[in-house]
């Protein structure tokens, strides 16, 4: 059994985020979005989606998920119009949220980061 006094409340724990600079900015309302920040989704943000589709970076799943976890908030049309290179980078970030810590450490070690 875990000692609750040693575990910070959920609100106090930082959520994992990744910031991505887009190669091709999203144009909306006369302005451009050149950078988006994705936060690791919580269970409710994955409602109606299959975890395996998120891990395999299914495009239709990303179109639903990204508006739920992106800042600034995106709409499905924004995601549908992303440049293919930007979509692949975003997909990799989403997939990374679901990797176990040991796998993340191994990737860091291999990349020299």
N, C-alpha and C. Protein backbone atom coordinates (compact mmCIF):
# COMPACT_ATOMS: atom_id res chain seq x y z
N UNK A 1 0.84 -1.17 0.00
CA UNK A 1 0.00 0.00 0.00
C UNK A 1 0.89 1.23 0.00
N UNK A 2 0.54 2.25 -0.78
CA UNK A 2 1.33 3.45 -0.91
C UNK A 2 0.94 4.46 0.15
N UNK A 3 1.93 5.13 0.71
CA UNK A 3 1.69 6.17 1.69
C UNK A 3 1.20 7.42 0.96
N UNK A 4 -0.06 7.78 1.14
CA UNK A 4 -0.67 8.91 0.43
C UNK A 4 0.02 10.22 0.75
N UNK A 5 0.66 10.33 1.91
CA UNK A 5 1.32 11.58 2.28
C UNK A 5 2.56 11.83 1.43
N UNK A 6 3.09 10.80 0.77
CA UNK A 6 4.28 10.95 -0.06
C UNK A 6 3.94 11.12 -1.54
N UNK A 7 2.70 10.92 -1.93
CA UNK A 7 2.29 11.04 -3.31
C UNK A 7 1.60 12.37 -3.52
N UNK A 8 2.14 13.23 -4.41
CA UNK A 8 1.48 14.52 -4.63
C UNK A 8 0.12 14.33 -5.27
N UNK A 9 -0.84 15.21 -4.98
CA UNK A 9 -2.15 15.11 -5.61
C UNK A 9 -2.01 15.23 -7.12
N UNK A 10 -2.98 14.66 -7.84
CA UNK A 10 -2.91 14.65 -9.31
C UNK A 10 -2.74 16.05 -9.87
N UNK A 11 -3.40 17.04 -9.29
CA UNK A 11 -3.30 18.41 -9.80
C UNK A 11 -1.90 18.98 -9.63
N UNK A 12 -1.16 18.48 -8.66
CA UNK A 12 0.18 19.01 -8.40
C UNK A 12 1.24 18.37 -9.30
N UNK A 13 0.95 17.21 -9.86
CA UNK A 13 1.90 16.54 -10.74
C UNK A 13 1.86 17.20 -12.11
N UNK A 14 3.04 17.46 -12.64
CA UNK A 14 3.12 18.09 -13.96
C UNK A 14 2.77 17.07 -15.04
N UNK A 15 1.99 17.51 -16.01
CA UNK A 15 1.68 16.64 -17.14
C UNK A 15 2.77 16.79 -18.17
N UNK A 16 3.13 15.70 -18.77
CA UNK A 16 4.15 15.68 -19.80
C UNK A 16 3.65 16.48 -21.01
N UNK A 17 4.51 17.35 -21.54
CA UNK A 17 4.17 18.13 -22.73
C UNK A 17 5.31 18.07 -23.73
N UNK A 18 4.97 18.32 -24.98
CA UNK A 18 5.93 18.41 -26.07
C UNK A 18 5.52 19.61 -26.91
N UNK A 19 6.50 20.49 -27.22
CA UNK A 19 6.22 21.64 -28.08
C UNK A 19 6.85 21.38 -29.44
N UNK A 20 6.05 21.62 -30.47
CA UNK A 20 6.47 21.35 -31.85
C UNK A 20 6.38 22.64 -32.66
N UNK A 21 7.47 22.98 -33.32
CA UNK A 21 7.47 24.11 -34.25
C UNK A 21 7.09 23.56 -35.62
N UNK A 22 6.03 24.09 -36.18
CA UNK A 22 5.53 23.59 -37.46
C UNK A 22 6.36 24.11 -38.62
N UNK A 23 6.62 23.25 -39.60
CA UNK A 23 7.31 23.67 -40.82
C UNK A 23 6.42 24.58 -41.65
N UNK A 24 5.13 24.26 -41.64
CA UNK A 24 4.15 25.05 -42.38
C UNK A 24 3.07 25.50 -41.38
N UNK A 25 3.12 26.78 -40.97
CA UNK A 25 2.17 27.26 -39.95
C UNK A 25 0.71 27.08 -40.37
N UNK A 26 -0.15 26.95 -39.38
CA UNK A 26 -1.59 26.87 -39.60
C UNK A 26 -2.10 28.30 -39.69
N UNK A 27 -2.83 28.61 -40.76
CA UNK A 27 -3.40 29.95 -40.93
C UNK A 27 -4.85 29.89 -40.49
N UNK A 28 -5.18 30.79 -39.53
CA UNK A 28 -6.55 30.82 -39.02
C UNK A 28 -6.86 32.23 -38.55
N UNK A 29 -8.00 32.76 -38.97
CA UNK A 29 -8.46 34.06 -38.50
C UNK A 29 -7.49 35.20 -38.75
N UNK A 30 -6.81 35.15 -39.87
CA UNK A 30 -5.87 36.22 -40.20
C UNK A 30 -4.54 36.11 -39.49
N UNK A 31 -4.36 35.07 -38.68
CA UNK A 31 -3.09 34.88 -37.97
C UNK A 31 -2.52 33.51 -38.28
N UNK A 32 -1.31 33.29 -37.81
CA UNK A 32 -0.65 32.01 -38.02
C UNK A 32 -0.35 31.35 -36.69
N UNK A 33 -0.47 30.04 -36.68
CA UNK A 33 -0.04 29.23 -35.54
C UNK A 33 1.20 28.50 -36.02
N UNK A 34 2.34 28.88 -35.47
CA UNK A 34 3.60 28.28 -35.93
C UNK A 34 4.15 27.26 -34.94
N UNK A 35 3.53 27.18 -33.77
CA UNK A 35 4.00 26.27 -32.74
C UNK A 35 2.81 25.74 -31.96
N UNK A 36 2.82 24.46 -31.69
CA UNK A 36 1.76 23.87 -30.86
C UNK A 36 2.40 23.06 -29.73
N UNK A 37 1.72 23.05 -28.61
CA UNK A 37 2.16 22.26 -27.46
C UNK A 37 1.13 21.17 -27.24
N UNK A 38 1.60 19.95 -27.17
CA UNK A 38 0.74 18.80 -26.90
C UNK A 38 0.97 18.33 -25.49
N UNK A 39 -0.10 17.99 -24.79
CA UNK A 39 0.03 17.44 -23.44
C UNK A 39 -0.39 15.98 -23.48
N UNK A 40 0.24 15.20 -22.62
CA UNK A 40 -0.09 13.78 -22.55
C UNK A 40 -1.57 13.65 -22.22
N UNK A 41 -2.31 12.89 -23.03
CA UNK A 41 -3.76 12.80 -22.79
C UNK A 41 -4.10 12.03 -21.53
N UNK A 42 -5.17 12.46 -20.91
CA UNK A 42 -5.76 11.73 -19.79
C UNK A 42 -6.83 10.80 -20.37
N UNK A 43 -7.31 9.91 -19.56
CA UNK A 43 -8.26 8.91 -20.02
C UNK A 43 -9.48 9.53 -20.70
N UNK A 44 -10.05 10.57 -20.12
CA UNK A 44 -11.24 11.19 -20.70
C UNK A 44 -10.99 11.79 -22.08
N UNK A 45 -9.76 12.24 -22.32
CA UNK A 45 -9.42 12.82 -23.62
C UNK A 45 -9.25 11.74 -24.69
N UNK A 46 -9.14 10.50 -24.24
CA UNK A 46 -9.01 9.38 -25.18
C UNK A 46 -10.33 8.65 -25.39
N UNK A 47 -11.38 9.17 -24.78
CA UNK A 47 -12.69 8.51 -24.86
C UNK A 47 -13.10 8.31 -26.32
N UNK A 48 -13.55 7.11 -26.64
CA UNK A 48 -14.02 6.80 -27.98
C UNK A 48 -12.89 6.43 -28.94
N UNK A 49 -11.65 6.42 -28.46
CA UNK A 49 -10.51 6.09 -29.31
C UNK A 49 -9.88 4.79 -28.83
N UNK A 50 -9.18 4.10 -29.72
CA UNK A 50 -8.47 2.89 -29.35
C UNK A 50 -7.02 3.26 -29.05
N UNK A 51 -6.52 2.79 -27.93
CA UNK A 51 -5.14 3.07 -27.55
C UNK A 51 -4.18 2.56 -28.63
N UNK A 52 -4.46 1.40 -29.18
CA UNK A 52 -3.59 0.86 -30.22
C UNK A 52 -3.54 1.78 -31.44
N UNK A 53 -4.65 2.47 -31.76
CA UNK A 53 -4.65 3.41 -32.89
C UNK A 53 -3.81 4.65 -32.58
N UNK A 54 -3.77 5.05 -31.31
CA UNK A 54 -2.91 6.18 -30.94
C UNK A 54 -1.45 5.79 -31.04
N UNK A 55 -1.14 4.57 -30.61
CA UNK A 55 0.25 4.12 -30.64
C UNK A 55 0.72 3.87 -32.06
N UNK A 56 -0.18 3.45 -32.94
CA UNK A 56 0.20 3.24 -34.34
C UNK A 56 0.01 4.51 -35.15
N UNK A 57 -0.36 5.59 -34.48
CA UNK A 57 -0.53 6.93 -35.06
C UNK A 57 -1.49 6.94 -36.25
N UNK A 58 -2.65 6.33 -36.05
CA UNK A 58 -3.71 6.34 -37.05
C UNK A 58 -4.15 7.78 -37.30
N UNK A 59 -4.19 8.20 -38.55
CA UNK A 59 -4.50 9.59 -38.89
C UNK A 59 -5.89 9.99 -38.40
N UNK A 60 -6.89 9.16 -38.59
CA UNK A 60 -8.24 9.51 -38.15
C UNK A 60 -8.29 9.70 -36.63
N UNK A 61 -7.54 8.88 -35.91
CA UNK A 61 -7.48 9.02 -34.46
C UNK A 61 -6.80 10.33 -34.08
N UNK A 62 -5.73 10.70 -34.78
CA UNK A 62 -5.05 11.97 -34.51
C UNK A 62 -5.96 13.17 -34.77
N UNK A 63 -6.79 13.07 -35.79
CA UNK A 63 -7.72 14.17 -36.11
C UNK A 63 -8.70 14.40 -34.96
N UNK A 64 -9.06 13.34 -34.26
CA UNK A 64 -9.95 13.46 -33.10
C UNK A 64 -9.17 13.86 -31.85
N UNK A 65 -8.01 13.27 -31.64
CA UNK A 65 -7.26 13.48 -30.41
C UNK A 65 -6.61 14.85 -30.31
N UNK A 66 -5.99 15.32 -31.36
CA UNK A 66 -5.21 16.56 -31.28
C UNK A 66 -6.01 17.77 -30.81
N UNK A 67 -7.24 17.97 -31.28
CA UNK A 67 -8.00 19.10 -30.73
C UNK A 67 -8.24 19.01 -29.22
N UNK A 68 -8.15 17.82 -28.66
CA UNK A 68 -8.37 17.62 -27.23
C UNK A 68 -7.13 17.91 -26.39
N UNK A 69 -5.93 17.84 -27.01
CA UNK A 69 -4.70 17.93 -26.22
C UNK A 69 -3.75 19.03 -26.69
N UNK A 70 -4.13 19.82 -27.67
CA UNK A 70 -3.22 20.83 -28.23
C UNK A 70 -3.49 22.21 -27.66
N UNK A 71 -2.41 22.97 -27.51
CA UNK A 71 -2.48 24.39 -27.17
C UNK A 71 -1.61 25.13 -28.17
N UNK A 72 -2.13 26.13 -28.88
CA UNK A 72 -3.50 26.60 -28.83
C UNK A 72 -4.46 25.53 -29.35
N UNK A 73 -5.70 25.67 -28.98
CA UNK A 73 -6.71 24.69 -29.36
C UNK A 73 -6.84 24.63 -30.87
N UNK A 74 -6.81 23.43 -31.39
CA UNK A 74 -6.99 23.20 -32.82
C UNK A 74 -8.39 22.66 -33.07
N UNK A 75 -8.84 22.80 -34.29
CA UNK A 75 -10.08 22.15 -34.72
C UNK A 75 -9.69 21.05 -35.71
N UNK A 76 -10.62 20.14 -35.98
CA UNK A 76 -10.32 19.02 -36.86
C UNK A 76 -9.79 19.50 -38.21
N UNK A 77 -10.36 20.57 -38.74
CA UNK A 77 -9.91 21.09 -40.04
C UNK A 77 -8.45 21.53 -39.99
N UNK A 78 -7.99 22.06 -38.86
CA UNK A 78 -6.58 22.43 -38.72
C UNK A 78 -5.69 21.19 -38.85
N UNK A 79 -6.08 20.13 -38.18
CA UNK A 79 -5.30 18.89 -38.20
C UNK A 79 -5.33 18.29 -39.61
N UNK A 80 -6.48 18.32 -40.24
CA UNK A 80 -6.61 17.77 -41.60
C UNK A 80 -5.74 18.52 -42.60
N UNK A 81 -5.44 19.78 -42.33
CA UNK A 81 -4.65 20.59 -43.26
C UNK A 81 -3.17 20.69 -42.88
N UNK A 82 -2.74 19.96 -41.86
CA UNK A 82 -1.33 19.97 -41.49
C UNK A 82 -0.48 19.43 -42.64
N UNK A 83 0.69 20.00 -42.79
CA UNK A 83 1.68 19.48 -43.72
C UNK A 83 2.03 18.05 -43.28
N UNK A 84 2.29 17.18 -44.23
CA UNK A 84 2.57 15.77 -43.90
C UNK A 84 3.75 15.63 -42.96
N UNK A 85 4.81 16.43 -43.15
CA UNK A 85 5.96 16.36 -42.25
C UNK A 85 5.58 16.77 -40.83
N UNK A 86 4.75 17.81 -40.72
CA UNK A 86 4.30 18.25 -39.40
C UNK A 86 3.43 17.18 -38.75
N UNK A 87 2.57 16.54 -39.52
CA UNK A 87 1.72 15.48 -38.97
C UNK A 87 2.57 14.33 -38.45
N UNK A 88 3.62 13.98 -39.18
CA UNK A 88 4.49 12.88 -38.73
C UNK A 88 5.21 13.24 -37.44
N UNK A 89 5.63 14.49 -37.30
CA UNK A 89 6.28 14.90 -36.06
C UNK A 89 5.30 14.88 -34.89
N UNK A 90 4.10 15.36 -35.12
CA UNK A 90 3.06 15.34 -34.10
C UNK A 90 2.73 13.89 -33.72
N UNK A 91 2.61 13.03 -34.73
CA UNK A 91 2.30 11.62 -34.49
C UNK A 91 3.38 10.98 -33.63
N UNK A 92 4.63 11.30 -33.90
CA UNK A 92 5.73 10.76 -33.10
C UNK A 92 5.67 11.22 -31.66
N UNK A 93 5.28 12.49 -31.46
CA UNK A 93 5.14 13.01 -30.09
C UNK A 93 4.03 12.29 -29.35
N UNK A 94 2.91 12.06 -30.01
CA UNK A 94 1.79 11.35 -29.39
C UNK A 94 2.22 9.93 -29.04
N UNK A 95 2.89 9.28 -29.97
CA UNK A 95 3.35 7.91 -29.71
C UNK A 95 4.30 7.89 -28.52
N UNK A 96 5.14 8.91 -28.41
CA UNK A 96 6.09 9.00 -27.31
C UNK A 96 5.43 9.07 -25.95
N UNK A 97 4.23 9.65 -25.88
CA UNK A 97 3.52 9.71 -24.61
C UNK A 97 3.22 8.33 -24.05
N UNK A 98 3.13 7.34 -24.92
CA UNK A 98 2.72 5.99 -24.51
C UNK A 98 3.89 5.02 -24.36
N UNK A 99 5.10 5.53 -24.51
CA UNK A 99 6.28 4.67 -24.34
C UNK A 99 6.61 4.53 -22.86
N UNK A 100 7.01 3.34 -22.44
CA UNK A 100 7.43 3.17 -21.05
C UNK A 100 8.72 3.96 -20.78
N UNK A 101 8.94 4.37 -19.54
CA UNK A 101 10.14 5.15 -19.21
C UNK A 101 11.45 4.51 -19.67
N UNK A 102 11.56 3.19 -19.56
CA UNK A 102 12.79 2.51 -19.97
C UNK A 102 13.05 2.69 -21.47
N UNK A 103 11.99 2.65 -22.26
CA UNK A 103 12.14 2.83 -23.70
C UNK A 103 12.57 4.27 -24.01
N UNK A 104 11.98 5.25 -23.30
CA UNK A 104 12.37 6.65 -23.49
C UNK A 104 13.83 6.85 -23.15
N UNK A 105 14.30 6.22 -22.06
CA UNK A 105 15.70 6.34 -21.65
C UNK A 105 16.61 5.72 -22.71
N UNK A 106 16.23 4.58 -23.26
CA UNK A 106 17.04 3.93 -24.28
C UNK A 106 17.15 4.80 -25.52
N UNK A 107 16.07 5.44 -25.91
CA UNK A 107 16.09 6.32 -27.08
C UNK A 107 17.00 7.51 -26.81
N UNK A 108 16.90 8.09 -25.62
CA UNK A 108 17.77 9.22 -25.26
C UNK A 108 19.23 8.80 -25.31
N UNK A 109 19.53 7.62 -24.80
CA UNK A 109 20.91 7.14 -24.80
C UNK A 109 21.44 6.94 -26.22
N UNK A 110 20.60 6.41 -27.08
CA UNK A 110 21.00 6.17 -28.47
C UNK A 110 21.17 7.46 -29.26
N UNK A 111 20.34 8.46 -28.94
CA UNK A 111 20.41 9.73 -29.66
C UNK A 111 21.44 10.68 -29.08
N UNK A 112 21.97 10.34 -27.92
CA UNK A 112 22.97 11.20 -27.29
C UNK A 112 22.38 12.42 -26.61
N UNK A 113 21.07 12.41 -26.40
CA UNK A 113 20.40 13.55 -25.75
C UNK A 113 20.54 13.51 -24.26
